[in-house]
Amino acid sequence: YLKRIAELAKRVEAGQAEDTPEQLNTP
């Protein structure tokens, strides 16, 4: 659970939603 929360926090900080394609790796 903590790992999943940490991953979600990283994605939010990077501005990347769950459905964002992987190649869109820059702001």
mmCIF file of all heavy atoms, coordinates in Angstrom:
data_MODEL
# 
_entry.id   MODEL 
# 
loop_
_atom_site.group_PDB 
_atom_site.id 
_atom_site.type_symbol 
_atom_site.label_atom_id 
_atom_site.label_alt_id 
_atom_site.label_comp_id 
_atom_site.label_asym_id 
_atom_site.label_entity_id 
_atom_site.label_seq_id 
_atom_site.pdbx_PDB_ins_code 
_atom_site.Cartn_x 
_atom_site.Cartn_y 
_atom_site.Cartn_z 
_atom_site.occupancy 
_atom_site.B_iso_or_equiv 
_atom_site.pdbx_formal_charge 
_atom_site.auth_seq_id 
_atom_site.auth_comp_id 
_atom_site.auth_asym_id 
_atom_site.auth_atom_id 
_atom_site.pdbx_PDB_model_num 
ATOM 1   N N   . TYR A 1 1  ? 0.838  -1.206 0.000   1.00 0.00 ? 1  TYR A N   1 
ATOM 2   C CA  . TYR A 1 1  ? 0.000  0.000  0.000   1.00 0.00 ? 1  TYR A CA  1 
ATOM 3   C C   . TYR A 1 1  ? 0.872  1.256  0.000   1.00 0.00 ? 1  TYR A C   1 
ATOM 4   O O   . TYR A 1 1  ? 0.641  2.184  -0.782  1.00 0.00 ? 1  TYR A O   1 
ATOM 5   C CB  . TYR A 1 1  ? -0.923 -0.039 1.226   1.00 0.00 ? 1  TYR A CB  1 
ATOM 6   C CG  . TYR A 1 1  ? -1.627 1.259  1.519   1.00 0.00 ? 1  TYR A CG  1 
ATOM 7   C CD1 . TYR A 1 1  ? -2.728 1.666  0.771   1.00 0.00 ? 1  TYR A CD1 1 
ATOM 8   C CD2 . TYR A 1 1  ? -1.200 2.078  2.554   1.00 0.00 ? 1  TYR A CD2 1 
ATOM 9   C CE1 . TYR A 1 1  ? -3.378 2.860  1.047   1.00 0.00 ? 1  TYR A CE1 1 
ATOM 10  C CE2 . TYR A 1 1  ? -1.841 3.270  2.841   1.00 0.00 ? 1  TYR A CE2 1 
ATOM 11  C CZ  . TYR A 1 1  ? -2.929 3.657  2.080   1.00 0.00 ? 1  TYR A CZ  1 
ATOM 12  O OH  . TYR A 1 1  ? -3.568 4.841  2.361   1.00 0.00 ? 1  TYR A OH  1 
ATOM 13  N N   . LEU A 1 2  ? 1.876  1.298  0.847   1.00 0.00 ? 2  LEU A N   1 
ATOM 14  C CA  . LEU A 1 2  ? 2.769  2.463  0.913   1.00 0.00 ? 2  LEU A CA  1 
ATOM 15  C C   . LEU A 1 2  ? 3.535  2.658  -0.398  1.00 0.00 ? 2  LEU A C   1 
ATOM 16  O O   . LEU A 1 2  ? 3.725  3.789  -0.842  1.00 0.00 ? 2  LEU A O   1 
ATOM 17  C CB  . LEU A 1 2  ? 3.744  2.328  2.083   1.00 0.00 ? 2  LEU A CB  1 
ATOM 18  C CG  . LEU A 1 2  ? 3.134  2.442  3.475   1.00 0.00 ? 2  LEU A CG  1 
ATOM 19  C CD1 . LEU A 1 2  ? 4.199  2.208  4.540   1.00 0.00 ? 2  LEU A CD1 1 
ATOM 20  C CD2 . LEU A 1 2  ? 2.468  3.793  3.679   1.00 0.00 ? 2  LEU A CD2 1 
ATOM 21  N N   . LYS A 1 3  ? 3.956  1.570  -1.018  1.00 0.00 ? 3  LYS A N   1 
ATOM 22  C CA  . LYS A 1 3  ? 4.649  1.664  -2.306  1.00 0.00 ? 3  LYS A CA  1 
ATOM 23  C C   . LYS A 1 3  ? 3.739  2.269  -3.371  1.00 0.00 ? 3  LYS A C   1 
ATOM 24  O O   . LYS A 1 3  ? 4.161  3.108  -4.157  1.00 0.00 ? 3  LYS A O   1 
ATOM 25  C CB  . LYS A 1 3  ? 5.140  0.290  -2.766  1.00 0.00 ? 3  LYS A CB  1 
ATOM 26  C CG  . LYS A 1 3  ? 6.346  -0.212 -2.024  1.00 0.00 ? 3  LYS A CG  1 
ATOM 27  C CD  . LYS A 1 3  ? 6.760  -1.579 -2.525  1.00 0.00 ? 3  LYS A CD  1 
ATOM 28  C CE  . LYS A 1 3  ? 7.924  -2.132 -1.736  1.00 0.00 ? 3  LYS A CE  1 
ATOM 29  N NZ  . LYS A 1 3  ? 8.300  -3.481 -2.160  1.00 0.00 ? 3  LYS A NZ  1 
ATOM 30  N N   . ARG A 1 4  ? 2.479  1.835  -3.373  1.00 0.00 ? 4  ARG A N   1 
ATOM 31  C CA  . ARG A 1 4  ? 1.528  2.345  -4.364  1.00 0.00 ? 4  ARG A CA  1 
ATOM 32  C C   . ARG A 1 4  ? 1.252  3.829  -4.132  1.00 0.00 ? 4  ARG A C   1 
ATOM 33  O O   . ARG A 1 4  ? 1.162  4.602  -5.084  1.00 0.00 ? 4  ARG A O   1 
ATOM 34  C CB  . ARG A 1 4  ? 0.240  1.535  -4.311  1.00 0.00 ? 4  ARG A CB  1 
ATOM 35  C CG  . ARG A 1 4  ? 0.445  0.115  -4.839  1.00 0.00 ? 4  ARG A CG  1 
ATOM 36  C CD  . ARG A 1 4  ? -0.795 -0.722 -4.769  1.00 0.00 ? 4  ARG A CD  1 
ATOM 37  N NE  . ARG A 1 4  ? -1.783 -0.209 -5.696  1.00 0.00 ? 4  ARG A NE  1 
ATOM 38  C CZ  . ARG A 1 4  ? -3.067 -0.516 -5.646  1.00 0.00 ? 4  ARG A CZ  1 
ATOM 39  N NH1 . ARG A 1 4  ? -3.510 -1.342 -4.719  1.00 0.00 ? 4  ARG A NH1 1 
ATOM 40  N NH2 . ARG A 1 4  ? -3.913 -0.021 -6.524  1.00 0.00 ? 4  ARG A NH2 1 
ATOM 41  N N   . ILE A 1 5  ? 1.138  4.232  -2.878  1.00 0.00 ? 5  ILE A N   1 
ATOM 42  C CA  . ILE A 1 5  ? 0.921  5.641  -2.545  1.00 0.00 ? 5  ILE A CA  1 
ATOM 43  C C   . ILE A 1 5  ? 2.131  6.471  -2.980  1.00 0.00 ? 5  ILE A C   1 
ATOM 44  O O   . ILE A 1 5  ? 1.973  7.555  -3.551  1.00 0.00 ? 5  ILE A O   1 
ATOM 45  C CB  . ILE A 1 5  ? 0.652  5.818  -1.029  1.00 0.00 ? 5  ILE A CB  1 
ATOM 46  C CG1 . ILE A 1 5  ? -0.681 5.183  -0.644  1.00 0.00 ? 5  ILE A CG1 1 
ATOM 47  C CG2 . ILE A 1 5  ? 0.692  7.283  -0.630  1.00 0.00 ? 5  ILE A CG2 1 
ATOM 48  C CD1 . ILE A 1 5  ? -1.891 5.824  -1.293  1.00 0.00 ? 5  ILE A CD1 1 
ATOM 49  N N   . ALA A 1 6  ? 3.336  5.970  -2.729  1.00 0.00 ? 6  ALA A N   1 
ATOM 50  C CA  . ALA A 1 6  ? 4.552  6.688  -3.121  1.00 0.00 ? 6  ALA A CA  1 
ATOM 51  C C   . ALA A 1 6  ? 4.620  6.843  -4.639  1.00 0.00 ? 6  ALA A C   1 
ATOM 52  O O   . ALA A 1 6  ? 4.974  7.916  -5.153  1.00 0.00 ? 6  ALA A O   1 
ATOM 53  C CB  . ALA A 1 6  ? 5.789  5.958  -2.599  1.00 0.00 ? 6  ALA A CB  1 
ATOM 54  N N   . GLU A 1 7  ? 4.273  5.803  -5.383  1.00 0.00 ? 7  GLU A N   1 
ATOM 55  C CA  . GLU A 1 7  ? 4.277  5.866  -6.853  1.00 0.00 ? 7  GLU A CA  1 
ATOM 56  C C   . GLU A 1 7  ? 3.254  6.883  -7.346  1.00 0.00 ? 7  GLU A C   1 
ATOM 57  O O   . GLU A 1 7  ? 3.527  7.670  -8.250  1.00 0.00 ? 7  GLU A O   1 
ATOM 58  C CB  . GLU A 1 7  ? 3.991  4.479  -7.440  1.00 0.00 ? 7  GLU A CB  1 
ATOM 59  C CG  . GLU A 1 7  ? 3.926  4.449  -8.946  1.00 0.00 ? 7  GLU A CG  1 
ATOM 60  C CD  . GLU A 1 7  ? 5.216  4.846  -9.625  1.00 0.00 ? 7  GLU A CD  1 
ATOM 61  O OE1 . GLU A 1 7  ? 6.299  4.606  -9.058  1.00 0.00 ? 7  GLU A OE1 1 
ATOM 62  O OE2 . GLU A 1 7  ? 5.134  5.414  -10.738 1.00 0.00 ? 7  GLU A OE2 1 
ATOM 63  N N   . LEU A 1 8  ? 2.078  6.871  -6.745  1.00 0.00 ? 8  LEU A N   1 
ATOM 64  C CA  . LEU A 1 8  ? 1.044  7.829  -7.123  1.00 0.00 ? 8  LEU A CA  1 
ATOM 65  C C   . LEU A 1 8  ? 1.506  9.260  -6.849  1.00 0.00 ? 8  LEU A C   1 
ATOM 66  O O   . LEU A 1 8  ? 1.313  10.148 -7.682  1.00 0.00 ? 8  LEU A O   1 
ATOM 67  C CB  . LEU A 1 8  ? -0.251 7.533  -6.358  1.00 0.00 ? 8  LEU A CB  1 
ATOM 68  C CG  . LEU A 1 8  ? -1.420 8.467  -6.625  1.00 0.00 ? 8  LEU A CG  1 
ATOM 69  C CD1 . LEU A 1 8  ? -1.813 8.431  -8.093  1.00 0.00 ? 8  LEU A CD1 1 
ATOM 70  C CD2 . LEU A 1 8  ? -2.594 8.103  -5.749  1.00 0.00 ? 8  LEU A CD2 1 
ATOM 71  N N   . ALA A 1 9  ? 2.142  9.466  -5.719  1.00 0.00 ? 9  ALA A N   1 
ATOM 72  C CA  . ALA A 1 9  ? 2.649  10.802 -5.378  1.00 0.00 ? 9  ALA A CA  1 
ATOM 73  C C   . ALA A 1 9  ? 3.690  11.264 -6.395  1.00 0.00 ? 9  ALA A C   1 
ATOM 74  O O   . ALA A 1 9  ? 3.702  12.427 -6.802  1.00 0.00 ? 9  ALA A O   1 
ATOM 75  C CB  . ALA A 1 9  ? 3.242  10.801 -3.974  1.00 0.00 ? 9  ALA A CB  1 
ATOM 76  N N   . LYS A 1 10 ? 4.557  10.370 -6.834  1.00 0.00 ? 10 LYS A N   1 
ATOM 77  C CA  . LYS A 1 10 ? 5.564  10.720 -7.843  1.00 0.00 ? 10 LYS A CA  1 
ATOM 78  C C   . LYS A 1 10 ? 4.898  11.129 -9.152  1.00 0.00 ? 10 LYS A C   1 
ATOM 79  O O   . LYS A 1 10 ? 5.310  12.081 -9.794  1.00 0.00 ? 10 LYS A O   1 
ATOM 80  C CB  . LYS A 1 10 ? 6.502  9.535  -8.109  1.00 0.00 ? 10 LYS A CB  1 
ATOM 81  C CG  . LYS A 1 10 ? 7.497  9.281  -7.024  1.00 0.00 ? 10 LYS A CG  1 
ATOM 82  C CD  . LYS A 1 10 ? 8.359  8.081  -7.379  1.00 0.00 ? 10 LYS A CD  1 
ATOM 83  C CE  . LYS A 1 10 ? 9.223  7.661  -6.227  1.00 0.00 ? 10 LYS A CE  1 
ATOM 84  N NZ  . LYS A 1 10 ? 9.990  6.444  -6.533  1.00 0.00 ? 10 LYS A NZ  1 
ATOM 85  N N   . ARG A 1 11 ? 3.863  10.381 -9.540  1.00 0.00 ? 11 ARG A N   1 
ATOM 86  C CA  . ARG A 1 11 ? 3.172  10.688 -10.795 1.00 0.00 ? 11 ARG A CA  1 
ATOM 87  C C   . ARG A 1 11 ? 2.448  12.021 -10.715 1.00 0.00 ? 11 ARG A C   1 
ATOM 88  O O   . ARG A 1 11 ? 2.443  12.791 -11.670 1.00 0.00 ? 11 ARG A O   1 
ATOM 89  C CB  . ARG A 1 11 ? 2.189  9.578  -11.145 1.00 0.00 ? 11 ARG A CB  1 
ATOM 90  C CG  . ARG A 1 11 ? 2.900  8.273  -11.517 1.00 0.00 ? 11 ARG A CG  1 
ATOM 91  C CD  . ARG A 1 11 ? 1.892  7.261  -11.925 1.00 0.00 ? 11 ARG A CD  1 
ATOM 92  N NE  . ARG A 1 11 ? 1.425  7.622  -13.245 1.00 0.00 ? 11 ARG A NE  1 
ATOM 93  C CZ  . ARG A 1 11 ? 1.359  6.804  -14.262 1.00 0.00 ? 11 ARG A CZ  1 
ATOM 94  N NH1 . ARG A 1 11 ? 1.714  5.563  -14.108 1.00 0.00 ? 11 ARG A NH1 1 
ATOM 95  N NH2 . ARG A 1 11 ? 0.920  7.205  -15.427 1.00 0.00 ? 11 ARG A NH2 1 
ATOM 96  N N   . VAL A 1 12 ? 1.836  12.295 -9.573  1.00 0.00 ? 12 VAL A N   1 
ATOM 97  C CA  . VAL A 1 12 ? 1.132  13.565 -9.403  1.00 0.00 ? 12 VAL A CA  1 
ATOM 98  C C   . VAL A 1 12 ? 2.125  14.713 -9.443  1.00 0.00 ? 12 VAL A C   1 
ATOM 99  O O   . VAL A 1 12 ? 1.900  15.734 -10.094 1.00 0.00 ? 12 VAL A O   1 
ATOM 100 C CB  . VAL A 1 12 ? 0.324  13.569 -8.078  1.00 0.00 ? 12 VAL A CB  1 
ATOM 101 C CG1 . VAL A 1 12 ? -0.157 14.964 -7.734  1.00 0.00 ? 12 VAL A CG1 1 
ATOM 102 C CG2 . VAL A 1 12 ? -0.841 12.609 -8.176  1.00 0.00 ? 12 VAL A CG2 1 
ATOM 103 N N   . GLU A 1 13 ? 3.243  14.546 -8.773  1.00 0.00 ? 13 GLU A N   1 
ATOM 104 C CA  . GLU A 1 13 ? 4.279  15.587 -8.768  1.00 0.00 ? 13 GLU A CA  1 
ATOM 105 C C   . GLU A 1 13 ? 4.815  15.840 -10.166 1.00 0.00 ? 13 GLU A C   1 
ATOM 106 O O   . GLU A 1 13 ? 5.104  16.979 -10.547 1.00 0.00 ? 13 GLU A O   1 
ATOM 107 C CB  . GLU A 1 13 ? 5.427  15.175 -7.846  1.00 0.00 ? 13 GLU A CB  1 
ATOM 108 C CG  . GLU A 1 13 ? 6.467  16.252 -7.657  1.00 0.00 ? 13 GLU A CG  1 
ATOM 109 C CD  . GLU A 1 13 ? 7.521  15.852 -6.660  1.00 0.00 ? 13 GLU A CD  1 
ATOM 110 O OE1 . GLU A 1 13 ? 7.204  15.175 -5.685  1.00 0.00 ? 13 GLU A OE1 1 
ATOM 111 O OE2 . GLU A 1 13 ? 8.686  16.234 -6.880  1.00 0.00 ? 13 GLU A OE2 1 
ATOM 112 N N   . ALA A 1 14 ? 4.911  14.787 -10.960 1.00 0.00 ? 14 ALA A N   1 
ATOM 113 C CA  . ALA A 1 14 ? 5.401  14.923 -12.334 1.00 0.00 ? 14 ALA A CA  1 
ATOM 114 C C   . ALA A 1 14 ? 4.314  15.409 -13.276 1.00 0.00 ? 14 ALA A C   1 
ATOM 115 O O   . ALA A 1 14 ? 4.578  15.696 -14.435 1.00 0.00 ? 14 ALA A O   1 
ATOM 116 C CB  . ALA A 1 14 ? 5.951  13.585 -12.823 1.00 0.00 ? 14 ALA A CB  1 
ATOM 117 N N   . GLY A 1 15 ? 3.090  15.497 -12.799 1.00 0.00 ? 15 GLY A N   1 
ATOM 118 C CA  . GLY A 1 15 ? 1.981  15.947 -13.645 1.00 0.00 ? 15 GLY A CA  1 
ATOM 119 C C   . GLY A 1 15 ? 1.527  14.896 -14.624 1.00 0.00 ? 15 GLY A C   1 
ATOM 120 O O   . GLY A 1 15 ? 1.060  15.204 -15.708 1.00 0.00 ? 15 GLY A O   1 
ATOM 121 N N   . GLN A 1 16 ? 1.670  13.644 -14.254 1.00 0.00 ? 16 GLN A N   1 
ATOM 122 C CA  . GLN A 1 16 ? 1.348  12.561 -15.176 1.00 0.00 ? 16 GLN A CA  1 
ATOM 123 C C   . GLN A 1 16 ? 0.174  11.747 -14.625 1.00 0.00 ? 16 GLN A C   1 
ATOM 124 O O   . GLN A 1 16 ? 0.261  11.160 -13.557 1.00 0.00 ? 16 GLN A O   1 
ATOM 125 C CB  . GLN A 1 16 ? 2.576  11.658 -15.336 1.00 0.00 ? 16 GLN A CB  1 
ATOM 126 C CG  . GLN A 1 16 ? 2.456  10.661 -16.425 1.00 0.00 ? 16 GLN A CG  1 
ATOM 127 C CD  . GLN A 1 16 ? 3.767  9.967  -16.687 1.00 0.00 ? 16 GLN A CD  1 
ATOM 128 O OE1 . GLN A 1 16 ? 4.716  10.112 -15.932 1.00 0.00 ? 16 GLN A OE1 1 
ATOM 129 N NE2 . GLN A 1 16 ? 3.821  9.209  -17.749 1.00 0.00 ? 16 GLN A NE2 1 
ATOM 130 N N   . ALA A 1 17 ? -0.912 11.709 -15.361 1.00 0.00 ? 17 ALA A N   1 
ATOM 131 C CA  . ALA A 1 17 ? -2.076 10.924 -14.963 1.00 0.00 ? 17 ALA A CA  1 
ATOM 132 C C   . ALA A 1 17 ? -1.840 9.454  -15.273 1.00 0.00 ? 17 ALA A C   1 
ATOM 133 O O   . ALA A 1 17 ? -0.922 9.096  -16.013 1.00 0.00 ? 17 ALA A O   1 
ATOM 134 C CB  . ALA A 1 17 ? -3.306 11.424 -15.714 1.00 0.00 ? 17 ALA A CB  1 
ATOM 135 N N   . GLU A 1 18 ? -2.684 8.612  -14.702 1.00 0.00 ? 18 GLU A N   1 
ATOM 136 C CA  . GLU A 1 18 ? -2.537 7.167  -14.926 1.00 0.00 ? 18 GLU A CA  1 
ATOM 137 C C   . GLU A 1 18 ? -2.669 6.789  -16.386 1.00 0.00 ? 18 GLU A C   1 
ATOM 138 O O   . GLU A 1 18 ? -2.028 5.866  -16.858 1.00 0.00 ? 18 GLU A O   1 
ATOM 139 C CB  . GLU A 1 18 ? -3.580 6.401  -14.108 1.00 0.00 ? 18 GLU A CB  1 
ATOM 140 C CG  . GLU A 1 18 ? -3.248 6.294  -12.655 1.00 0.00 ? 18 GLU A CG  1 
ATOM 141 C CD  . GLU A 1 18 ? -4.213 5.390  -11.919 1.00 0.00 ? 18 GLU A CD  1 
ATOM 142 O OE1 . GLU A 1 18 ? -4.712 4.417  -12.522 1.00 0.00 ? 18 GLU A OE1 1 
ATOM 143 O OE2 . GLU A 1 18 ? -4.460 5.662  -10.750 1.00 0.00 ? 18 GLU A OE2 1 
ATOM 144 N N   . ASP A 1 19 ? -3.502 7.506  -17.125 1.00 0.00 ? 19 ASP A N   1 
ATOM 145 C CA  . ASP A 1 19 ? -3.733 7.155  -18.527 1.00 0.00 ? 19 ASP A CA  1 
ATOM 146 C C   . ASP A 1 19 ? -2.805 7.882  -19.493 1.00 0.00 ? 19 ASP A C   1 
ATOM 147 O O   . ASP A 1 19 ? -2.973 7.803  -20.697 1.00 0.00 ? 19 ASP A O   1 
ATOM 148 C CB  . ASP A 1 19 ? -5.189 7.410  -18.900 1.00 0.00 ? 19 ASP A CB  1 
ATOM 149 C CG  . ASP A 1 19 ? -5.582 8.876  -18.751 1.00 0.00 ? 19 ASP A CG  1 
ATOM 150 O OD1 . ASP A 1 19 ? -4.857 9.625  -18.086 1.00 0.00 ? 19 ASP A OD1 1 
ATOM 151 O OD2 . ASP A 1 19 ? -6.622 9.261  -19.305 1.00 0.00 ? 19 ASP A OD2 1 
ATOM 152 N N   . THR A 1 20 ? -1.812 8.593  -18.970 1.00 0.00 ? 20 THR A N   1 
ATOM 153 C CA  . THR A 1 20 ? -0.864 9.306  -19.827 1.00 0.00 ? 20 THR A CA  1 
ATOM 154 C C   . THR A 1 20 ? 0.094  8.298  -20.459 1.00 0.00 ? 20 THR A C   1 
ATOM 155 O O   . THR A 1 20 ? 0.705  7.505  -19.754 1.00 0.00 ? 20 THR A O   1 
ATOM 156 C CB  . THR A 1 20 ? -0.061 10.346 -19.020 1.00 0.00 ? 20 THR A CB  1 
ATOM 157 O OG1 . THR A 1 20 ? -0.959 11.249 -18.403 1.00 0.00 ? 20 THR A OG1 1 
ATOM 158 C CG2 . THR A 1 20 ? 0.909  11.113 -19.904 1.00 0.00 ? 20 THR A CG2 1 
ATOM 159 N N   . PRO A 1 21 ? 0.242  8.323  -21.780 1.00 0.00 ? 21 PRO A N   1 
ATOM 160 C CA  . PRO A 1 21 ? 1.166  7.395  -22.435 1.00 0.00 ? 21 PRO A CA  1 
ATOM 161 C C   . PRO A 1 21 ? 2.601  7.551  -21.936 1.00 0.00 ? 21 PRO A C   1 
ATOM 162 O O   . PRO A 1 21 ? 3.042  8.645  -21.574 1.00 0.00 ? 21 PRO A O   1 
ATOM 163 C CB  . PRO A 1 21 ? 1.064  7.784  -23.909 1.00 0.00 ? 21 PRO A CB  1 
ATOM 164 C CG  . PRO A 1 21 ? -0.277 8.419  -24.032 1.00 0.00 ? 21 PRO A CG  1 
ATOM 165 C CD  . PRO A 1 21 ? -0.486 9.134  -22.727 1.00 0.00 ? 21 PRO A CD  1 
ATOM 166 N N   . GLU A 1 22 ? 3.311  6.448  -21.925 1.00 0.00 ? 22 GLU A N   1 
ATOM 167 C CA  . GLU A 1 22 ? 4.663  6.405  -21.375 1.00 0.00 ? 22 GLU A CA  1 
ATOM 168 C C   . GLU A 1 22 ? 5.645  7.310  -22.128 1.00 0.00 ? 22 GLU A C   1 
ATOM 169 O O   . GLU A 1 22 ? 6.573  7.845  -21.536 1.00 0.00 ? 22 GLU A O   1 
ATOM 170 C CB  . GLU A 1 22 ? 5.157  4.956  -21.399 1.00 0.00 ? 22 GLU A CB  1 
ATOM 171 C CG  . GLU A 1 22 ? 6.308  4.702  -20.469 1.00 0.00 ? 22 GLU A CG  1 
ATOM 172 C CD  . GLU A 1 22 ? 6.621  3.228  -20.361 1.00 0.00 ? 22 GLU A CD  1 
ATOM 173 O OE1 . GLU A 1 22 ? 5.718  2.455  -19.996 1.00 0.00 ? 22 GLU A OE1 1 
ATOM 174 O OE2 . GLU A 1 22 ? 7.777  2.860  -20.655 1.00 0.00 ? 22 GLU A OE2 1 
ATOM 175 N N   . GLN A 1 23 ? 5.454  7.487  -23.436 1.00 0.00 ? 23 GLN A N   1 
ATOM 176 C CA  . GLN A 1 23 ? 6.381  8.305  -24.220 1.00 0.00 ? 23 GLN A CA  1 
ATOM 177 C C   . GLN A 1 23 ? 6.285  9.789  -23.893 1.00 0.00 ? 23 GLN A C   1 
ATOM 178 O O   . GLN A 1 23 ? 7.145  10.556 -24.276 1.00 0.00 ? 23 GLN A O   1 
ATOM 179 C CB  . GLN A 1 23 ? 6.159  8.100  -25.707 1.00 0.00 ? 23 GLN A CB  1 
ATOM 180 C CG  . GLN A 1 23 ? 6.675  6.772  -26.205 1.00 0.00 ? 23 GLN A CG  1 
ATOM 181 C CD  . GLN A 1 23 ? 6.682  6.735  -27.715 1.00 0.00 ? 23 GLN A CD  1 
ATOM 182 O OE1 . GLN A 1 23 ? 5.794  7.278  -28.355 1.00 0.00 ? 23 GLN A OE1 1 
ATOM 183 N NE2 . GLN A 1 23 ? 7.683  6.104  -28.286 1.00 0.00 ? 23 GLN A NE2 1 
ATOM 184 N N   . LEU A 1 24 ? 5.246  10.181 -23.187 1.00 0.00 ? 24 LEU A N   1 
ATOM 185 C CA  . LEU A 1 24 ? 5.089  11.588 -22.813 1.00 0.00 ? 24 LEU A CA  1 
ATOM 186 C C   . LEU A 1 24 ? 5.801  11.794 -21.481 1.00 0.00 ? 24 LEU A C   1 
ATOM 187 O O   . LEU A 1 24 ? 5.206  12.067 -20.456 1.00 0.00 ? 24 LEU A O   1 
ATOM 188 C CB  . LEU A 1 24 ? 3.611  11.955 -22.727 1.00 0.00 ? 24 LEU A CB  1 
ATOM 189 C CG  . LEU A 1 24 ? 2.841  11.698 -24.024 1.00 0.00 ? 24 LEU A CG  1 
ATOM 190 C CD1 . LEU A 1 24 ? 1.378  11.984 -23.834 1.00 0.00 ? 24 LEU A CD1 1 
ATOM 191 C CD2 . LEU A 1 24 ? 3.398  12.530 -25.154 1.00 0.00 ? 24 LEU A CD2 1 
ATOM 192 N N   . ASN A 1 25 ? 7.119  11.673 -21.537 1.00 0.00 ? 25 ASN A N   1 
ATOM 193 C CA  . ASN A 1 25 ? 7.927  11.630 -20.337 1.00 0.00 ? 25 ASN A CA  1 
ATOM 194 C C   . ASN A 1 25 ? 8.519  12.973 -19.924 1.00 0.00 ? 25 ASN A C   1 
ATOM 195 O O   . ASN A 1 25 ? 9.376  13.023 -19.056 1.00 0.00 ? 25 ASN A O   1 
ATOM 196 C CB  . ASN A 1 25 ? 9.044  10.598 -20.513 1.00 0.00 ? 25 ASN A CB  1 
ATOM 197 C CG  . ASN A 1 25 ? 9.831  10.828 -21.802 1.00 0.00 ? 25 ASN A CG  1 
ATOM 198 O OD1 . ASN A 1 25 ? 9.585  11.786 -22.526 1.00 0.00 ? 25 ASN A OD1 1 
ATOM 199 N ND2 . ASN A 1 25 ? 10.763 9.953  -22.084 1.00 0.00 ? 25 ASN A ND2 1 
ATOM 200 N N   . THR A 1 26 ? 8.085  14.049 -20.541 1.00 0.00 ? 26 THR A N   1 
ATOM 201 C CA  . THR A 1 26 ? 8.548  15.372 -20.140 1.00 0.00 ? 26 THR A CA  1 
ATOM 202 C C   . THR A 1 26 ? 7.336  16.286 -19.952 1.00 0.00 ? 26 THR A C   1 
ATOM 203 O O   . THR A 1 26 ? 6.292  16.066 -20.563 1.00 0.00 ? 26 THR A O   1 
ATOM 204 C CB  . THR A 1 26 ? 9.476  16.004 -21.204 1.00 0.00 ? 26 THR A CB  1 
ATOM 205 O OG1 . THR A 1 26 ? 8.719  16.250 -22.397 1.00 0.00 ? 26 THR A OG1 1 
ATOM 206 C CG2 . THR A 1 26 ? 10.672 15.112 -21.515 1.00 0.00 ? 26 THR A CG2 1 
ATOM 207 N N   . PRO A 1 27 ? 7.489  17.311 -19.130 1.00 0.00 ? 27 PRO A N   1 
ATOM 208 C CA  . PRO A 1 27 ? 6.373  18.256 -18.956 1.00 0.00 ? 27 PRO A CA  1 
ATOM 209 C C   . PRO A 1 27 ? 5.963  18.922 -20.270 1.00 0.00 ? 27 PRO A C   1 
ATOM 210 O O   . PRO A 1 27 ? 4.789  19.207 -20.478 1.00 0.00 ? 27 PRO A O   1 
ATOM 211 C CB  . PRO A 1 27 ? 6.927  19.288 -17.975 1.00 0.00 ? 27 PRO A CB  1 
ATOM 212 C CG  . PRO A 1 27 ? 8.050  18.617 -17.280 1.00 0.00 ? 27 PRO A CG  1 
ATOM 213 C CD  . PRO A 1 27 ? 8.604  17.615 -18.249 1.00 0.00 ? 27 PRO A CD  1 
# 
